Amino acid sequence: MSALFSVSFDTLVMSAITCLILREVILVALPDTVAGPGGWLIDTDPE
């Protein structure tokens, strides 16, 4: 329970930024059939 209280705002922001960076890297690295417009894993089509 003490680990829950040790989470700070900076830790949450860094985690969010890390997730966004990883998402962008995945979108660039994977082919469009997997992550792109109409992709089966990540569909980036705005509809």
PDB file of N, CA and C in Angstrom:
ATOM      1  N   MET A   1       0.812  -1.193   0.000  1.00  0.00           N
ATOM      2  CA  MET A   1       0.000   0.000   0.000  1.00  0.00           C
ATOM      3  C   MET A   1       0.861   1.266   0.000  1.00  0.00           C
ATOM      4  N   SER A   2       2.044   1.188   0.581  1.00  0.00           N
ATOM      5  CA  SER A   2       2.905   2.371   0.605  1.00  0.00           C
ATOM      6  C   SER A   2       3.410   2.714  -0.798  1.00  0.00           C
ATOM      7  N   ALA A   3       3.494   1.716  -1.687  1.00  0.00           N
ATOM      8  CA  ALA A   3       3.918   1.990  -3.060  1.00  0.00           C
ATOM      9  C   ALA A   3       2.898   2.867  -3.775  1.00  0.00           C
ATOM     10  N   LEU A   4       1.627   2.713  -3.424  1.00  0.00           N
ATOM     11  CA  LEU A   4       0.582   3.536  -4.036  1.00  0.00           C
ATOM     12  C   LEU A   4       0.745   4.999  -3.646  1.00  0.00           C
ATOM     13  N   PHE A   5       1.147   5.251  -2.430  1.00  0.00           N
ATOM     14  CA  PHE A   5       1.310   6.625  -1.959  1.00  0.00           C
ATOM     15  C   PHE A   5       2.588   7.269  -2.470  1.00  0.00           C
ATOM     16  N   SER A   6       3.514   6.475  -2.972  1.00  0.00           N
ATOM     17  CA  SER A   6       4.769   7.037  -3.468  1.00  0.00           C
ATOM     18  C   SER A   6       4.683   7.471  -4.930  1.00  0.00           C
ATOM     19  N   VAL A   7       3.540   7.288  -5.575  1.00  0.00           N
ATOM     20  CA  VAL A   7       3.363   7.713  -6.966  1.00  0.00           C
ATOM     21  C   VAL A   7       3.164   9.224  -6.990  1.00  0.00           C
ATOM     22  N   SER A   8       3.997   9.904  -7.779  1.00  0.00           N
ATOM     23  CA  SER A   8       3.888  11.356  -7.868  1.00  0.00           C
ATOM     24  C   SER A   8       3.353  11.764  -9.242  1.00  0.00           C
ATOM     25  N   PHE A   9       3.061  13.033  -9.368  1.00  0.00           N
ATOM     26  CA  PHE A   9       2.566  13.571 -10.633  1.00  0.00           C
ATOM     27  C   PHE A   9       3.611  13.392 -11.728  1.00  0.00           C
ATOM     28  N   ASP A  10       4.873  13.607 -11.371  1.00  0.00           N
ATOM     29  CA  ASP A  10       5.952  13.454 -12.353  1.00  0.00           C
ATOM     30  C   ASP A  10       6.016  12.026 -12.886  1.00  0.00           C
ATOM     31  N   THR A  11       5.811  11.048 -12.029  1.00  0.00           N
ATOM     32  CA  THR A  11       5.828   9.649 -12.442  1.00  0.00           C
ATOM     33  C   THR A  11       4.686   9.354 -13.404  1.00  0.00           C
ATOM     34  N   LEU A  12       3.515   9.889 -13.120  1.00  0.00           N
ATOM     35  CA  LEU A  12       2.366   9.682 -14.004  1.00  0.00           C
ATOM     36  C   LEU A  12       2.582  10.336 -15.366  1.00  0.00           C
ATOM     37  N   VAL A  13       3.144  11.525 -15.376  1.00  0.00           N
ATOM     38  CA  VAL A  13       3.384  12.227 -16.639  1.00  0.00           C
ATOM     39  C   VAL A  13       4.433  11.483 -17.472  1.00  0.00           C
ATOM     40  N   MET A  14       5.502  11.029 -16.832  1.00  0.00           N
ATOM     41  CA  MET A  14       6.534  10.288 -17.560  1.00  0.00           C
ATOM     42  C   MET A  14       5.986   8.977 -18.119  1.00  0.00           C
ATOM     43  N   SER A  15       5.107   8.325 -17.386  1.00  0.00           N
ATOM     44  CA  SER A  15       4.492   7.089 -17.881  1.00  0.00           C
ATOM     45  C   SER A  15       3.619   7.367 -19.094  1.00  0.00           C
ATOM     46  N   ALA A  16       2.843   8.439 -19.059  1.00  0.00           N
ATOM     47  CA  ALA A  16       1.986   8.794 -20.186  1.00  0.00           C
ATOM     48  C   ALA A  16       2.818   9.146 -21.421  1.00  0.00           C
ATOM     49  N   ILE A  17       3.887   9.904 -21.223  1.00  0.00           N
ATOM     50  CA  ILE A  17       4.754  10.274 -22.345  1.00  0.00           C
ATOM     51  C   ILE A  17       5.418   9.036 -22.938  1.00  0.00           C
ATOM     52  N   THR A  18       5.864   8.125 -22.083  1.00  0.00           N
ATOM     53  CA  THR A  18       6.482   6.889 -22.551  1.00  0.00           C
ATOM     54  C   THR A  18       5.500   6.069 -23.379  1.00  0.00           C
ATOM     55  N   CYS A  19       4.264   5.969 -22.927  1.00  0.00           N
ATOM     56  CA  CYS A  19       3.253   5.220 -23.680  1.00  0.00           C
ATOM     57  C   CYS A  19       2.988   5.859 -25.040  1.00  0.00           C
ATOM     58  N   LEU A  20       2.925   7.177 -25.083  1.00  0.00           N
ATOM     59  CA  LEU A  20       2.692   7.860 -26.365  1.00  0.00           C
ATOM     60  C   LEU A  20       3.865   7.672 -27.323  1.00  0.00           C
ATOM     61  N   ILE A  21       5.070   7.735 -26.809  1.00  0.00           N
ATOM     62  CA  ILE A  21       6.244   7.529 -27.659  1.00  0.00           C
ATOM     63  C   ILE A  21       6.277   6.102 -28.191  1.00  0.00           C
ATOM     64  N   LEU A  22       5.996   5.123 -27.326  1.00  0.00           N
ATOM     65  CA  LEU A  22       5.973   3.729 -27.765  1.00  0.00           C
ATOM     66  C   LEU A  22       4.905   3.494 -28.826  1.00  0.00           C
ATOM     67  N   ARG A  23       3.749   4.133 -28.679  1.00  0.00           N
ATOM     68  CA  ARG A  23       2.682   3.986 -29.672  1.00  0.00           C
ATOM     69  C   ARG A  23       3.130   4.517 -31.029  1.00  0.00           C
ATOM     70  N   GLU A  24       3.779   5.673 -31.038  1.00  0.00           N
ATOM     71  CA  GLU A  24       4.251   6.248 -32.292  1.00  0.00           C
ATOM     72  C   GLU A  24       5.320   5.382 -32.942  1.00  0.00           C
ATOM     73  N   VAL A  25       6.215   4.821 -32.142  1.00  0.00           N
ATOM     74  CA  VAL A  25       7.256   3.946 -32.679  1.00  0.00           C
ATOM     75  C   VAL A  25       6.634   2.700 -33.282  1.00  0.00           C
ATOM     76  N   ILE A  26       5.635   2.150 -32.603  1.00  0.00           N
ATOM     77  CA  ILE A  26       4.955   0.958 -33.120  1.00  0.00           C
ATOM     78  C   ILE A  26       4.243   1.275 -34.434  1.00  0.00           C
ATOM     79  N   LEU A  27       3.591   2.433 -34.521  1.00  0.00           N
ATOM     80  CA  LEU A  27       2.886   2.804 -35.751  1.00  0.00           C
ATOM     81  C   LEU A  27       3.849   2.964 -36.924  1.00  0.00           C
ATOM     82  N   VAL A  28       5.036   3.470 -36.647  1.00  0.00           N
ATOM     83  CA  VAL A  28       6.020   3.661 -37.721  1.00  0.00           C
ATOM     84  C   VAL A  28       6.658   2.334 -38.110  1.00  0.00           C
ATOM     85  N   ALA A  29       6.921   1.466 -37.130  1.00  0.00           N
ATOM     86  CA  ALA A  29       7.672   0.237 -37.387  1.00  0.00           C
ATOM     87  C   ALA A  29       6.834  -0.860 -38.036  1.00  0.00           C
ATOM     88  N   LEU A  30       5.561  -0.953 -37.707  1.00  0.00           N
ATOM     89  CA  LEU A  30       4.730  -2.029 -38.235  1.00  0.00           C
ATOM     90  C   LEU A  30       4.180  -1.673 -39.614  1.00  0.00           C
ATOM     91  N   PRO A  31       3.936  -2.666 -40.450  1.00  0.00           N
ATOM     92  CA  PRO A  31       3.362  -2.387 -41.775  1.00  0.00           C
ATOM     93  C   PRO A  31       1.912  -1.897 -41.653  1.00  0.00           C
ATOM     94  N   ASP A  32       1.440  -1.255 -42.707  1.00  0.00           N
ATOM     95  CA  ASP A  32       0.096  -0.674 -42.688  1.00  0.00           C
ATOM     96  C   ASP A  32      -1.012  -1.709 -42.508  1.00  0.00           C
ATOM     97  N   THR A  33      -0.779  -2.945 -42.889  1.00  0.00           N
ATOM     98  CA  THR A  33      -1.818  -3.961 -42.724  1.00  0.00           C
ATOM     99  C   THR A  33      -2.013  -4.320 -41.254  1.00  0.00           C
ATOM    100  N   VAL A  34      -1.008  -4.045 -40.432  1.00  0.00           N
ATOM    101  CA  VAL A  34      -1.100  -4.338 -39.002  1.00  0.00           C
ATOM    102  C   VAL A  34      -1.478  -3.083 -38.224  1.00  0.00           C
ATOM    103  N   ALA A  35      -0.751  -1.989 -38.452  1.00  0.00           N
ATOM    104  CA  ALA A  35      -1.001  -0.735 -37.745  1.00  0.00           C
ATOM    105  C   ALA A  35      -1.022   0.389 -38.760  1.00  0.00           C
ATOM    106  N   GLY A  36      -2.189   0.759 -39.172  1.00  0.00           N
ATOM    107  CA  GLY A  36      -2.339   1.817 -40.162  1.00  0.00           C
ATOM    108  C   GLY A  36      -3.795   1.948 -40.536  1.00  0.00           C
ATOM    109  N   PRO A  37      -4.083   2.626 -41.621  1.00  0.00           N
ATOM    110  CA  PRO A  37      -5.469   2.745 -42.067  1.00  0.00           C
ATOM    111  C   PRO A  37      -6.042   1.367 -42.401  1.00  0.00           C
ATOM    112  N   GLY A  38      -7.013   0.917 -41.639  1.00  0.00           N
ATOM    113  CA  GLY A  38      -7.620  -0.393 -41.845  1.00  0.00           C
ATOM    114  C   GLY A  38      -6.819  -1.533 -41.261  1.00  0.00           C
ATOM    115  N   GLY A  39      -5.834  -1.248 -40.429  1.00  0.00           N
ATOM    116  CA  GLY A  39      -5.001  -2.287 -39.832  1.00  0.00           C
ATOM    117  C   GLY A  39      -5.778  -3.141 -38.845  1.00  0.00           C
ATOM    118  N   TRP A  40      -5.375  -4.401 -38.714  1.00  0.00           N
ATOM    119  CA  TRP A  40      -6.120  -5.315 -37.840  1.00  0.00           C
ATOM    120  C   TRP A  40      -5.751  -5.136 -36.372  1.00  0.00           C
ATOM    121  N   LEU A  41      -4.577  -4.590 -36.059  1.00  0.00           N
ATOM    122  CA  LEU A  41      -4.191  -4.379 -34.663  1.00  0.00           C
ATOM    123  C   LEU A  41      -4.516  -2.977 -34.199  1.00  0.00           C
ATOM    124  N   ILE A  42      -4.048  -1.989 -34.951  1.00  0.00           N
ATOM    125  CA  ILE A  42      -4.316  -0.591 -34.649  1.00  0.00           C
ATOM    126  C   ILE A  42      -4.864   0.062 -35.913  1.00  0.00           C
ATOM    127  N   ASP A  43      -6.111   0.467 -35.865  1.00  0.00           N
ATOM    128  CA  ASP A  43      -6.753   1.103 -37.020  1.00  0.00           C
ATOM    129  C   ASP A  43      -6.646   2.617 -36.848  1.00  0.00           C
ATOM    130  N   THR A  44      -5.850   3.268 -37.687  1.00  0.00           N
ATOM    131  CA  THR A  44      -5.655   4.710 -37.574  1.00  0.00           C
ATOM    132  C   THR A  44      -6.580   5.507 -38.491  1.00  0.00           C
ATOM    133  N   ASP A  45      -7.543   4.842 -39.119  1.00  0.00           N
ATOM    134  CA  ASP A  45      -8.494   5.520 -39.995  1.00  0.00           C
ATOM    135  C   ASP A  45      -9.400   6.409 -39.145  1.00  0.00           C
ATOM    136  N   PRO A  46      -9.462   7.726 -39.418  1.00  0.00           N
ATOM    137  CA  PRO A  46     -10.251   8.630 -38.570  1.00  0.00           C
ATOM    138  C   PRO A  46     -11.764   8.478 -38.725  1.00  0.00           C
ATOM    139  N   GLU A  47     -12.214   7.802 -39.726  1.00  0.00           N
ATOM    140  CA  GLU A  47     -13.636   7.600 -40.051  1.00  0.00           C
ATOM    141  C   GLU A  47     -14.325   8.916 -40.225  1.00  0.00           C
TER     142      GLU A  47
END
